[in-house]
Amino acid sequence: MSPVDTSLATTLRTWRDRLSPPQLGTGTGGTRRAAGLRREELAELAGLSVDYLVRLEQGRATTPSAPVVAALAHALRLSRTERDHFYRLAGLQPPGDHAVSERISPGVQRVLQRLGDVAVAVFTADWRLLWWNGSWSALLGDPSGTAPEDRSFVYARFPVPGRRGFVPAWPVHSERPEATDRAVVADLRRVTTQYPDDPHLAELLTTLLEGSPDFARLWRAGAVGEYTGDRKTVEHPLVGEIVVDCDVLSTGEDGLRIVVMTVPAGSPDALKLAQVSRAGEAPVPR
């Protein structure tokens, strides 16, 4: 055995040990035996089970999927070089310059942390859910129970047999569902020119064209555009219907989408949203 252990398990433990709650803006964490994150804290930040993280750190699981590596890399605040090293330790090819980005920059992270009680989430350019805050969970349900590779907004809108997408815990209706579907498809067509070599995007499109007649029909229209949001009605089990404005903001070159759900101040919907947030349904933001 080599005197220097550079395995995935040891490297993952090293990265966890060097990161502390104050660095993440989550407080001091109370009395702690070690300076680093606890396994439970990292698992929650990455949206993984504690058991799976334990198996990774003990070397009993050695081939995590690309979405799992991306989620851990984000939670651990890895640099690009560290992230690429992590992919290679897992036996995966690091995302190239023309691949869909899964990294939220420190500046965007600071903006997200300052949004307070606004329901907000971050998606990749191909609409995979990367990050969300507690208000998002309170409004739509906690996505952490869905595996990272299954948190696809596109598969949720265009179901394909054998593929899972992230579906909110309770019904959510777009004000103009057909227009929303057209906008999402047009958005994906635009993304294909930005990331022509991304294998996950290519697989997504192939699967949708073969497995979703609705997606194929809209794709044949050839529209190119950008999904900027719409108005949605959330059928929340605690307070009934909440009508929210859903706005999509782009972070620029990396193509990440910040999705923000808001209601007019002082409106009945604002009162319902405040009641939902106070109910304590939301977990610690990841």
C-alpha atoms as a PDB file:
ATOM      1  CA  MET A   1       0.000   0.000   0.000  1.00  0.00           C
ATOM      2  CA  SER A   2       1.303   3.461  -0.890  1.00  0.00           C
ATOM      3  CA  PRO A   3       2.541   5.524   2.100  1.00  0.00           C
ATOM      4  CA  VAL A   4       0.505   8.435   0.724  1.00  0.00           C
ATOM      5  CA  ASP A   5      -3.207   7.758   0.465  1.00  0.00           C
ATOM      6  CA  THR A   6      -4.667   9.781  -2.408  1.00  0.00           C
ATOM      7  CA  SER A   7      -7.855   7.745  -2.779  1.00  0.00           C
ATOM      8  CA  LEU A   8     -11.281   9.251  -3.343  1.00  0.00           C
ATOM      9  CA  ALA A   9     -12.305   8.326   0.205  1.00  0.00           C
ATOM     10  CA  THR A  10      -9.346  10.049   1.886  1.00  0.00           C
ATOM     11  CA  THR A  11      -9.513  13.095  -0.370  1.00  0.00           C
ATOM     12  CA  LEU A  12     -13.219  13.514   0.323  1.00  0.00           C
ATOM     13  CA  ARG A  13     -12.622  13.379   4.089  1.00  0.00           C
ATOM     14  CA  THR A  14      -9.814  15.940   3.754  1.00  0.00           C
ATOM     15  CA  TRP A  15     -12.029  18.368   1.882  1.00  0.00           C
ATOM     16  CA  ARG A  16     -14.832  17.951   4.415  1.00  0.00           C
ATOM     17  CA  ASP A  17     -12.483  18.555   7.326  1.00  0.00           C
ATOM     18  CA  ARG A  18     -11.211  21.846   5.925  1.00  0.00           C
ATOM     19  CA  LEU A  19     -14.677  23.401   5.510  1.00  0.00           C
ATOM     20  CA  SER A  20     -16.520  24.867   8.482  1.00  0.00           C
ATOM     21  CA  PRO A  21     -20.111  26.136   8.953  1.00  0.00           C
ATOM     22  CA  PRO A  22     -19.030  29.797   9.328  1.00  0.00           C
ATOM     23  CA  GLN A  23     -17.483  29.603   5.841  1.00  0.00           C
ATOM     24  CA  LEU A  24     -20.889  28.613   4.500  1.00  0.00           C
ATOM     25  CA  GLY A  25     -22.711  31.338   6.396  1.00  0.00           C
ATOM     26  CA  THR A  26     -24.607  28.824   8.527  1.00  0.00           C
ATOM     27  CA  GLY A  27     -23.338  29.905  11.964  1.00  0.00           C
ATOM     28  CA  THR A  28     -20.829  28.340  14.301  1.00  0.00           C
ATOM     29  CA  GLY A  29     -22.598  25.004  14.597  1.00  0.00           C
ATOM     30  CA  GLY A  30     -22.450  25.012  18.426  1.00  0.00           C
ATOM     31  CA  THR A  31     -19.968  22.902  20.373  1.00  0.00           C
ATOM     32  CA  ARG A  32     -17.926  20.841  17.940  1.00  0.00           C
ATOM     33  CA  ARG A  33     -15.221  18.228  18.357  1.00  0.00           C
ATOM     34  CA  ALA A  34     -13.725  19.033  14.950  1.00  0.00           C
ATOM     35  CA  ALA A  35     -13.356  22.190  12.900  1.00  0.00           C
ATOM     36  CA  GLY A  36     -14.735  20.705   9.696  1.00  0.00           C
ATOM     37  CA  LEU A  37     -18.240  19.878   8.556  1.00  0.00           C
ATOM     38  CA  ARG A  38     -20.011  16.913  10.057  1.00  0.00           C
ATOM     39  CA  ARG A  39     -21.009  14.152   7.672  1.00  0.00           C
ATOM     40  CA  GLU A  40     -24.649  14.971   8.282  1.00  0.00           C
ATOM     41  CA  GLU A  41     -24.061  18.602   7.323  1.00  0.00           C
ATOM     42  CA  LEU A  42     -22.245  17.761   4.090  1.00  0.00           C
ATOM     43  CA  ALA A  43     -24.850  15.156   3.152  1.00  0.00           C
ATOM     44  CA  GLU A  44     -27.639  17.699   3.573  1.00  0.00           C
ATOM     45  CA  LEU A  45     -25.778  20.384   1.624  1.00  0.00           C
ATOM     46  CA  ALA A  46     -25.219  17.961  -1.261  1.00  0.00           C
ATOM     47  CA  GLY A  47     -28.701  16.416  -1.141  1.00  0.00           C
ATOM     48  CA  LEU A  48     -27.317  12.922  -0.434  1.00  0.00           C
ATOM     49  CA  SER A  49     -28.044  10.315   2.210  1.00  0.00           C
ATOM     50  CA  VAL A  50     -25.654  10.175   5.156  1.00  0.00           C
ATOM     51  CA  ASP A  51     -25.272   6.414   4.614  1.00  0.00           C
ATOM     52  CA  TYR A  52     -24.038   6.916   1.063  1.00  0.00           C
ATOM     53  CA  LEU A  53     -21.574   9.612   2.157  1.00  0.00           C
ATOM     54  CA  VAL A  54     -20.245   7.252   4.857  1.00  0.00           C
ATOM     55  CA  ARG A  55     -19.698   4.539   2.243  1.00  0.00           C
ATOM     56  CA  LEU A  56     -17.831   7.006   0.020  1.00  0.00           C
ATOM     57  CA  GLU A  57     -15.595   8.140   2.871  1.00  0.00           C
ATOM     58  CA  GLN A  58     -14.899   4.567   3.938  1.00  0.00           C
ATOM     59  CA  GLY A  59     -14.024   3.455   0.418  1.00  0.00           C
ATOM     60  CA  ARG A  60     -16.968   1.060   0.198  1.00  0.00           C
ATOM     61  CA  ALA A  61     -18.433   3.130  -2.665  1.00  0.00           C
ATOM     62  CA  THR A  62     -15.890   4.239  -5.244  1.00  0.00           C
ATOM     63  CA  THR A  63     -17.832   5.125  -8.389  1.00  0.00           C
ATOM     64  CA  PRO A  64     -20.263   7.971  -7.643  1.00  0.00           C
ATOM     65  CA  SER A  65     -22.250   9.282 -10.604  1.00  0.00           C
ATOM     66  CA  ALA A  66     -21.456  12.602 -12.270  1.00  0.00           C
ATOM     67  CA  PRO A  67     -24.467  14.382 -10.638  1.00  0.00           C
ATOM     68  CA  VAL A  68     -23.315  13.151  -7.197  1.00  0.00           C
ATOM     69  CA  VAL A  69     -19.760  14.380  -7.824  1.00  0.00           C
ATOM     70  CA  ALA A  70     -21.116  17.729  -9.025  1.00  0.00           C
ATOM     71  CA  ALA A  71     -23.331  18.074  -5.938  1.00  0.00           C
ATOM     72  CA  LEU A  72     -20.454  17.265  -3.563  1.00  0.00           C
ATOM     73  CA  ALA A  73     -18.052  19.558  -5.435  1.00  0.00           C
ATOM     74  CA  HIS A  74     -20.502  22.418  -5.066  1.00  0.00           C
ATOM     75  CA  ALA A  75     -21.198  21.688  -1.393  1.00  0.00           C
ATOM     76  CA  LEU A  76     -17.456  21.484  -0.651  1.00  0.00           C
ATOM     77  CA  ARG A  77     -16.737  24.759  -2.508  1.00  0.00           C
ATOM     78  CA  LEU A  78     -14.078  23.072  -4.656  1.00  0.00           C
ATOM     79  CA  SER A  79     -12.021  25.065  -7.124  1.00  0.00           C
ATOM     80  CA  ARG A  80     -12.238  24.083 -10.784  1.00  0.00           C
ATOM     81  CA  THR A  81      -8.953  22.163 -10.516  1.00  0.00           C
ATOM     82  CA  GLU A  82     -10.138  20.327  -7.409  1.00  0.00           C
ATOM     83  CA  ARG A  83     -13.470  19.573  -9.049  1.00  0.00           C
ATOM     84  CA  ASP A  84     -11.740  18.082 -12.093  1.00  0.00           C
ATOM     85  CA  HIS A  85      -9.500  16.015  -9.792  1.00  0.00           C
ATOM     86  CA  PHE A  86     -12.608  14.753  -7.979  1.00  0.00           C
ATOM     87  CA  TYR A  87     -14.172  13.642 -11.277  1.00  0.00           C
ATOM     88  CA  ARG A  88     -11.032  11.718 -12.209  1.00  0.00           C
ATOM     89  CA  LEU A  89     -10.871  10.025  -8.800  1.00  0.00           C
ATOM     90  CA  ALA A  90     -14.416   8.821  -9.466  1.00  0.00           C
ATOM     91  CA  GLY A  91     -13.372   7.454 -12.857  1.00  0.00           C
ATOM     92  CA  LEU A  92     -15.248  10.180 -14.733  1.00  0.00           C
ATOM     93  CA  GLN A  93     -14.257  12.687 -17.385  1.00  0.00           C
ATOM     94  CA  PRO A  94     -14.311  16.241 -15.976  1.00  0.00           C
ATOM     95  CA  PRO A  95     -16.738  18.640 -17.664  1.00  0.00           C
ATOM     96  CA  GLY A  96     -14.992  20.398 -20.527  1.00  0.00           C
ATOM     97  CA  ASP A  97     -15.102  24.047 -21.482  1.00  0.00           C
ATOM     98  CA  HIS A  98     -18.071  23.301 -23.734  1.00  0.00           C
ATOM     99  CA  ALA A  99     -19.972  21.288 -21.146  1.00  0.00           C
ATOM    100  CA  VAL A 100     -22.992  22.485 -19.207  1.00  0.00           C
ATOM    101  CA  SER A 101     -21.694  24.144 -16.040  1.00  0.00           C
ATOM    102  CA  GLU A 102     -22.647  22.757 -12.631  1.00  0.00           C
ATOM    103  CA  ARG A 103     -20.629  25.256 -10.592  1.00  0.00           C
ATOM    104  CA  ILE A 104     -22.199  28.204  -8.797  1.00  0.00           C
ATOM    105  CA  SER A 105     -19.621  30.975  -8.495  1.00  0.00           C
ATOM    106  CA  PRO A 106     -18.846  32.530  -5.077  1.00  0.00           C
ATOM    107  CA  GLY A 107     -20.409  35.817  -6.223  1.00  0.00           C
ATOM    108  CA  VAL A 108     -23.687  34.157  -7.194  1.00  0.00           C
ATOM    109  CA  GLN A 109     -23.635  32.221  -3.911  1.00  0.00           C
ATOM    110  CA  ARG A 110     -23.404  35.499  -1.987  1.00  0.00           C
ATOM    111  CA  VAL A 111     -26.326  36.939  -3.955  1.00  0.00           C
ATOM    112  CA  LEU A 112     -28.433  33.865  -3.208  1.00  0.00           C
ATOM    113  CA  GLN A 113     -27.659  34.060   0.514  1.00  0.00           C
ATOM    114  CA  ARG A 114     -28.846  37.681   0.582  1.00  0.00           C
ATOM    115  CA  LEU A 115     -32.251  36.925  -0.911  1.00  0.00           C
ATOM    116  CA  GLY A 116     -33.573  36.033   2.538  1.00  0.00           C
ATOM    117  CA  ASP A 117     -37.037  34.496   2.541  1.00  0.00           C
ATOM    118  CA  VAL A 118     -37.535  34.641  -1.235  1.00  0.00           C
ATOM    119  CA  ALA A 119     -38.149  31.186  -2.737  1.00  0.00           C
ATOM    120  CA  VAL A 120     -35.221  30.646  -5.082  1.00  0.00           C
ATOM    121  CA  ALA A 121     -33.459  27.761  -6.833  1.00  0.00           C
ATOM    122  CA  VAL A 122     -30.582  27.360  -9.300  1.00  0.00           C
ATOM    123  CA  PHE A 123     -30.748  25.170 -12.406  1.00  0.00           C
ATOM    124  CA  THR A 124     -28.141  24.216 -14.979  1.00  0.00           C
ATOM    125  CA  ALA A 125     -28.511  25.326 -18.602  1.00  0.00           C
ATOM    126  CA  ASP A 126     -30.223  21.997 -19.380  1.00  0.00           C
ATOM    127  CA  TRP A 127     -32.586  22.484 -16.439  1.00  0.00           C
ATOM    128  CA  ARG A 128     -31.215  20.188 -13.740  1.00  0.00           C
ATOM    129  CA  LEU A 129     -31.843  21.434 -10.214  1.00  0.00           C
ATOM    130  CA  LEU A 130     -28.553  22.293  -8.457  1.00  0.00           C
ATOM    131  CA  TRP A 131     -29.449  24.347  -5.383  1.00  0.00           C
ATOM    132  CA  TRP A 132     -32.481  25.642  -3.523  1.00  0.00           C
ATOM    133  CA  ASN A 133     -33.195  27.448  -0.284  1.00  0.00           C
ATOM    134  CA  GLY A 134     -35.557  26.755   2.585  1.00  0.00           C
ATOM    135  CA  SER A 135     -38.311  28.987   1.224  1.00  0.00           C
ATOM    136  CA  TRP A 136     -38.309  27.011  -2.025  1.00  0.00           C
ATOM    137  CA  SER A 137     -38.740  23.783  -0.058  1.00  0.00           C
ATOM    138  CA  ALA A 138     -41.539  25.292   2.001  1.00  0.00           C
ATOM    139  CA  LEU A 139     -43.389  26.418  -1.121  1.00  0.00           C
ATOM    140  CA  LEU A 140     -42.887  23.409  -3.408  1.00  0.00           C
ATOM    141  CA  GLY A 141     -41.655  20.569  -1.185  1.00  0.00           C
ATOM    142  CA  ASP A 142     -38.135  19.421  -0.313  1.00  0.00           C
ATOM    143  CA  PRO A 143     -36.232  18.119  -3.395  1.00  0.00           C
ATOM    144  CA  SER A 144     -33.545  16.347  -1.320  1.00  0.00           C
ATOM    145  CA  GLY A 145     -35.506  13.097  -1.438  1.00  0.00           C
ATOM    146  CA  THR A 146     -34.956  12.976  -5.200  1.00  0.00           C
ATOM    147  CA  ALA A 147     -31.565  11.729  -6.396  1.00  0.00           C
ATOM    148  CA  PRO A 148     -29.411  14.470  -8.013  1.00  0.00           C
ATOM    149  CA  GLU A 149     -29.514  12.765 -11.407  1.00  0.00           C
ATOM    150  CA  ASP A 150     -33.339  12.778 -11.301  1.00  0.00           C
ATOM    151  CA  ARG A 151     -33.796  16.493 -10.543  1.00  0.00           C
ATOM    152  CA  SER A 152     -34.671  17.403 -14.130  1.00  0.00           C
ATOM    153  CA  PHE A 153     -37.281  20.076 -14.747  1.00  0.00           C
ATOM    154  CA  VAL A 154     -37.470  19.027 -18.419  1.00  0.00           C
ATOM    155  CA  TYR A 155     -38.315  15.392 -17.677  1.00  0.00           C
ATOM    156  CA  ALA A 156     -40.929  16.645 -15.229  1.00  0.00           C
ATOM    157  CA  ARG A 157     -42.625  18.695 -17.994  1.00  0.00           C
ATOM    158  CA  PHE A 158     -42.128  16.035 -20.670  1.00  0.00           C
ATOM    159  CA  PRO A 159     -42.365  12.612 -19.001  1.00  0.00           C
ATOM    160  CA  VAL A 160     -40.454   9.789 -20.672  1.00  0.00           C
ATOM    161  CA  PRO A 161     -40.880   6.110 -19.704  1.00  0.00           C
ATOM    162  CA  GLY A 162     -37.978   4.981 -17.556  1.00  0.00           C
ATOM    163  CA  ARG A 163     -36.793   8.527 -16.801  1.00  0.00           C
ATOM    164  CA  ARG A 164     -37.549  10.473 -13.644  1.00  0.00           C
ATOM    165  CA  GLY A 165     -37.829  14.207 -13.251  1.00  0.00           C
ATOM    166  CA  PHE A 166     -38.207  16.391 -10.203  1.00  0.00           C
ATOM    167  CA  VAL A 167     -41.903  16.841  -9.514  1.00  0.00           C
ATOM    168  CA  PRO A 168     -43.020  19.201  -6.710  1.00  0.00           C
ATOM    169  CA  ALA A 169     -44.546  17.531  -3.676  1.00  0.00           C
ATOM    170  CA  TRP A 170     -47.957  19.003  -4.526  1.00  0.00           C
ATOM    171  CA  PRO A 171     -49.594  20.204  -7.770  1.00  0.00           C
ATOM    172  CA  VAL A 172     -48.166  23.278  -9.516  1.00  0.00           C
ATOM    173  CA  HIS A 173     -49.913  24.658 -12.605  1.00  0.00           C
ATOM    174  CA  SER A 174     -48.544  27.103 -15.171  1.00  0.00           C
ATOM    175  CA  GLU A 175     -50.929  29.877 -16.183  1.00  0.00           C
ATOM    176  CA  ARG A 176     -50.289  29.017 -19.849  1.00  0.00           C
ATOM    177  CA  PRO A 177     -48.920  25.458 -19.890  1.00  0.00           C
ATOM    178  CA  GLU A 178     -48.629  25.140 -23.683  1.00  0.00           C
ATOM    179  CA  ALA A 179     -46.722  28.423 -23.904  1.00  0.00           C
ATOM    180  CA  THR A 180     -44.439  27.292 -21.086  1.00  0.00           C
ATOM    181  CA  ASP A 181     -43.735  23.987 -22.850  1.00  0.00           C
ATOM    182  CA  ARG A 182     -42.935  25.825 -26.100  1.00  0.00           C
ATOM    183  CA  ALA A 183     -40.605  28.202 -24.258  1.00  0.00           C
ATOM    184  CA  VAL A 184     -38.733  25.353 -22.535  1.00  0.00           C
ATOM    185  CA  VAL A 185     -38.205  23.505 -25.832  1.00  0.00           C
ATOM    186  CA  ALA A 186     -37.063  26.683 -27.594  1.00  0.00           C
ATOM    187  CA  ASP A 187     -34.703  27.358 -24.713  1.00  0.00           C
ATOM    188  CA  LEU A 188     -33.138  23.898 -25.042  1.00  0.00           C
ATOM    189  CA  ARG A 189     -32.625  24.401 -28.781  1.00  0.00           C
ATOM    190  CA  ARG A 190     -30.728  27.616 -28.019  1.00  0.00           C
ATOM    191  CA  VAL A 191     -28.603  25.806 -25.422  1.00  0.00           C
ATOM    192  CA  THR A 192     -27.475  23.197 -27.960  1.00  0.00           C
ATOM    193  CA  THR A 193     -25.369  25.804 -29.771  1.00  0.00           C
ATOM    194  CA  GLN A 194     -23.781  26.928 -26.512  1.00  0.00           C
ATOM    195  CA  TYR A 195     -22.814  23.400 -25.446  1.00  0.00           C
ATOM    196  CA  PRO A 196     -22.573  21.335 -28.654  1.00  0.00           C
ATOM    197  CA  ASP A 197     -20.189  18.784 -27.116  1.00  0.00           C
ATOM    198  CA  ASP A 198     -21.972  18.107 -23.846  1.00  0.00           C
ATOM    199  CA  PRO A 199     -22.843  14.383 -23.737  1.00  0.00           C
ATOM    200  CA  HIS A 200     -25.548  14.755 -21.076  1.00  0.00           C
ATOM    201  CA  LEU A 201     -27.368  17.391 -23.133  1.00  0.00           C
ATOM    202  CA  ALA A 202     -27.146  15.212 -26.238  1.00  0.00           C
ATOM    203  CA  GLU A 203     -28.537  12.230 -24.328  1.00  0.00           C
ATOM    204  CA  LEU A 204     -31.345  14.369 -22.897  1.00  0.00           C
ATOM    205  CA  LEU A 205     -32.448  15.555 -26.329  1.00  0.00           C
ATOM    206  CA  THR A 206     -32.228  12.089 -27.892  1.00  0.00           C
ATOM    207  CA  THR A 207     -34.287  10.575 -25.082  1.00  0.00           C
ATOM    208  CA  LEU A 208     -36.922  13.301 -25.287  1.00  0.00           C
ATOM    209  CA  LEU A 209     -37.238  13.119 -29.072  1.00  0.00           C
ATOM    210  CA  GLU A 210     -37.641   9.343 -28.929  1.00  0.00           C
ATOM    211  CA  GLY A 211     -39.776   9.102 -25.795  1.00  0.00           C
ATOM    212  CA  SER A 212     -41.951  12.224 -25.624  1.00  0.00           C
ATOM    213  CA  PRO A 213     -44.349  12.896 -28.527  1.00  0.00           C
ATOM    214  CA  ASP A 214     -45.180  16.333 -27.087  1.00  0.00           C
ATOM    215  CA  PHE A 215     -41.517  17.333 -26.949  1.00  0.00           C
ATOM    216  CA  ALA A 216     -40.883  16.001 -30.474  1.00  0.00           C
ATOM    217  CA  ARG A 217     -43.866  17.943 -31.831  1.00  0.00           C
ATOM    218  CA  LEU A 218     -42.673  21.211 -30.328  1.00  0.00           C
ATOM    219  CA  TRP A 219     -39.058  20.550 -31.352  1.00  0.00           C
ATOM    220  CA  ARG A 220     -40.087  20.178 -34.994  1.00  0.00           C
ATOM    221  CA  ALA A 221     -41.392  23.755 -34.906  1.00  0.00           C
ATOM    222  CA  GLY A 222     -37.750  24.894 -34.818  1.00  0.00           C
ATOM    223  CA  ALA A 223     -38.298  27.793 -32.416  1.00  0.00           C
ATOM    224  CA  VAL A 224     -35.279  29.292 -30.655  1.00  0.00           C
ATOM    225  CA  GLY A 225     -35.827  31.340 -27.545  1.00  0.00           C
ATOM    226  CA  GLU A 226     -35.315  31.728 -23.840  1.00  0.00           C
ATOM    227  CA  TYR A 227     -37.576  30.603 -21.016  1.00  0.00           C
ATOM    228  CA  THR A 228     -37.934  33.653 -18.797  1.00  0.00           C
ATOM    229  CA  GLY A 229     -40.700  32.411 -16.520  1.00  0.00           C
ATOM    230  CA  ASP A 230     -44.445  32.567 -16.104  1.00  0.00           C
ATOM    231  CA  ARG A 231     -47.156  32.717 -13.472  1.00  0.00           C
ATOM    232  CA  LYS A 232     -47.872  29.561 -11.501  1.00  0.00           C
ATOM    233  CA  THR A 233     -50.498  28.360  -9.048  1.00  0.00           C
ATOM    234  CA  VAL A 234     -49.263  26.158  -6.217  1.00  0.00           C
ATOM    235  CA  GLU A 235     -51.872  23.934  -4.553  1.00  0.00           C
ATOM    236  CA  HIS A 236     -50.268  23.933  -1.118  1.00  0.00           C
ATOM    237  CA  PRO A 237     -51.697  21.429   1.381  1.00  0.00           C
ATOM    238  CA  LEU A 238     -51.363  23.891   4.268  1.00  0.00           C
ATOM    239  CA  VAL A 239     -52.948  27.078   2.884  1.00  0.00           C
ATOM    240  CA  GLY A 240     -54.573  26.149  -0.410  1.00  0.00           C
ATOM    241  CA  GLU A 241     -53.771  27.933  -3.674  1.00  0.00           C
ATOM    242  CA  ILE A 242     -50.848  30.372  -3.840  1.00  0.00           C
ATOM    243  CA  VAL A 243     -50.364  32.310  -7.084  1.00  0.00           C
ATOM    244  CA  VAL A 244     -46.711  33.199  -7.647  1.00  0.00           C
ATOM    245  CA  ASP A 245     -44.731  34.995 -10.319  1.00  0.00           C
ATOM    246  CA  CYS A 246     -41.921  32.768 -11.558  1.00  0.00           C
ATOM    247  CA  ASP A 247     -38.994  34.697 -13.040  1.00  0.00           C
ATOM    248  CA  VAL A 248     -35.879  33.152 -14.561  1.00  0.00           C
ATOM    249  CA  LEU A 249     -32.586  35.047 -14.408  1.00  0.00           C
ATOM    250  CA  SER A 250     -29.402  34.003 -16.204  1.00  0.00           C
ATOM    251  CA  THR A 251     -25.984  34.229 -14.560  1.00  0.00           C
ATOM    252  CA  GLY A 252     -24.147  34.804 -17.846  1.00  0.00           C
ATOM    253  CA  GLU A 253     -21.498  32.683 -19.509  1.00  0.00           C
ATOM    254  CA  ASP A 254     -22.025  29.609 -17.314  1.00  0.00           C
ATOM    255  CA  GLY A 255     -25.671  29.453 -18.353  1.00  0.00           C
ATOM    256  CA  LEU A 256     -27.028  28.828 -14.856  1.00  0.00           C
ATOM    257  CA  ARG A 257     -30.654  29.813 -14.272  1.00  0.00           C
ATOM    258  CA  ILE A 258     -31.784  31.455 -11.050  1.00  0.00           C
ATOM    259  CA  VAL A 259     -35.501  30.803 -10.655  1.00  0.00           C
ATOM    260  CA  VAL A 260     -37.281  33.147  -8.262  1.00  0.00           C
ATOM    261  CA  MET A 261     -40.841  32.760  -6.968  1.00  0.00           C
ATOM    262  CA  THR A 262     -42.409  35.972  -5.623  1.00  0.00           C
ATOM    263  CA  VAL A 263     -45.809  37.417  -4.688  1.00  0.00           C
ATOM    264  CA  PRO A 264     -46.954  41.048  -4.340  1.00  0.00           C
ATOM    265  CA  ALA A 265     -46.218  42.496  -0.898  1.00  0.00           C
ATOM    266  CA  GLY A 266     -49.268  42.666   1.359  1.00  0.00           C
ATOM    267  CA  SER A 267     -51.385  40.461  -0.914  1.00  0.00           C
ATOM    268  CA  PRO A 268     -53.394  37.436   0.283  1.00  0.00           C
ATOM    269  CA  ASP A 269     -50.806  35.256  -1.441  1.00  0.00           C
ATOM    270  CA  ALA A 270     -48.047  36.962   0.537  1.00  0.00           C
ATOM    271  CA  LEU A 271     -49.862  36.142   3.772  1.00  0.00           C
ATOM    272  CA  LYS A 272     -50.202  32.507   2.696  1.00  0.00           C
ATOM    273  CA  LEU A 273     -46.525  32.339   1.748  1.00  0.00           C
ATOM    274  CA  ALA A 274     -45.524  33.763   5.131  1.00  0.00           C
ATOM    275  CA  GLN A 275     -47.694  31.175   6.867  1.00  0.00           C
ATOM    276  CA  VAL A 276     -46.044  28.382   4.886  1.00  0.00           C
ATOM    277  CA  SER A 277     -42.581  29.647   5.790  1.00  0.00           C
ATOM    278  CA  ARG A 278     -43.446  29.933   9.475  1.00  0.00           C
ATOM    279  CA  ALA A 279     -44.669  26.347   9.501  1.00  0.00           C
ATOM    280  CA  GLY A 280     -41.048  25.246   9.480  1.00  0.00           C
ATOM    281  CA  GLU A 281     -41.394  22.851   6.555  1.00  0.00           C
ATOM    282  CA  ALA A 282     -38.107  23.975   5.001  1.00  0.00           C
ATOM    283  CA  PRO A 283     -34.768  22.259   5.765  1.00  0.00           C
ATOM    284  CA  VAL A 284     -31.421  24.008   6.033  1.00  0.00           C
ATOM    285  CA  PRO A 285     -30.579  25.549   2.588  1.00  0.00           C
ATOM    286  CA  ARG A 286     -28.168  23.457   0.516  1.00  0.00           C
END
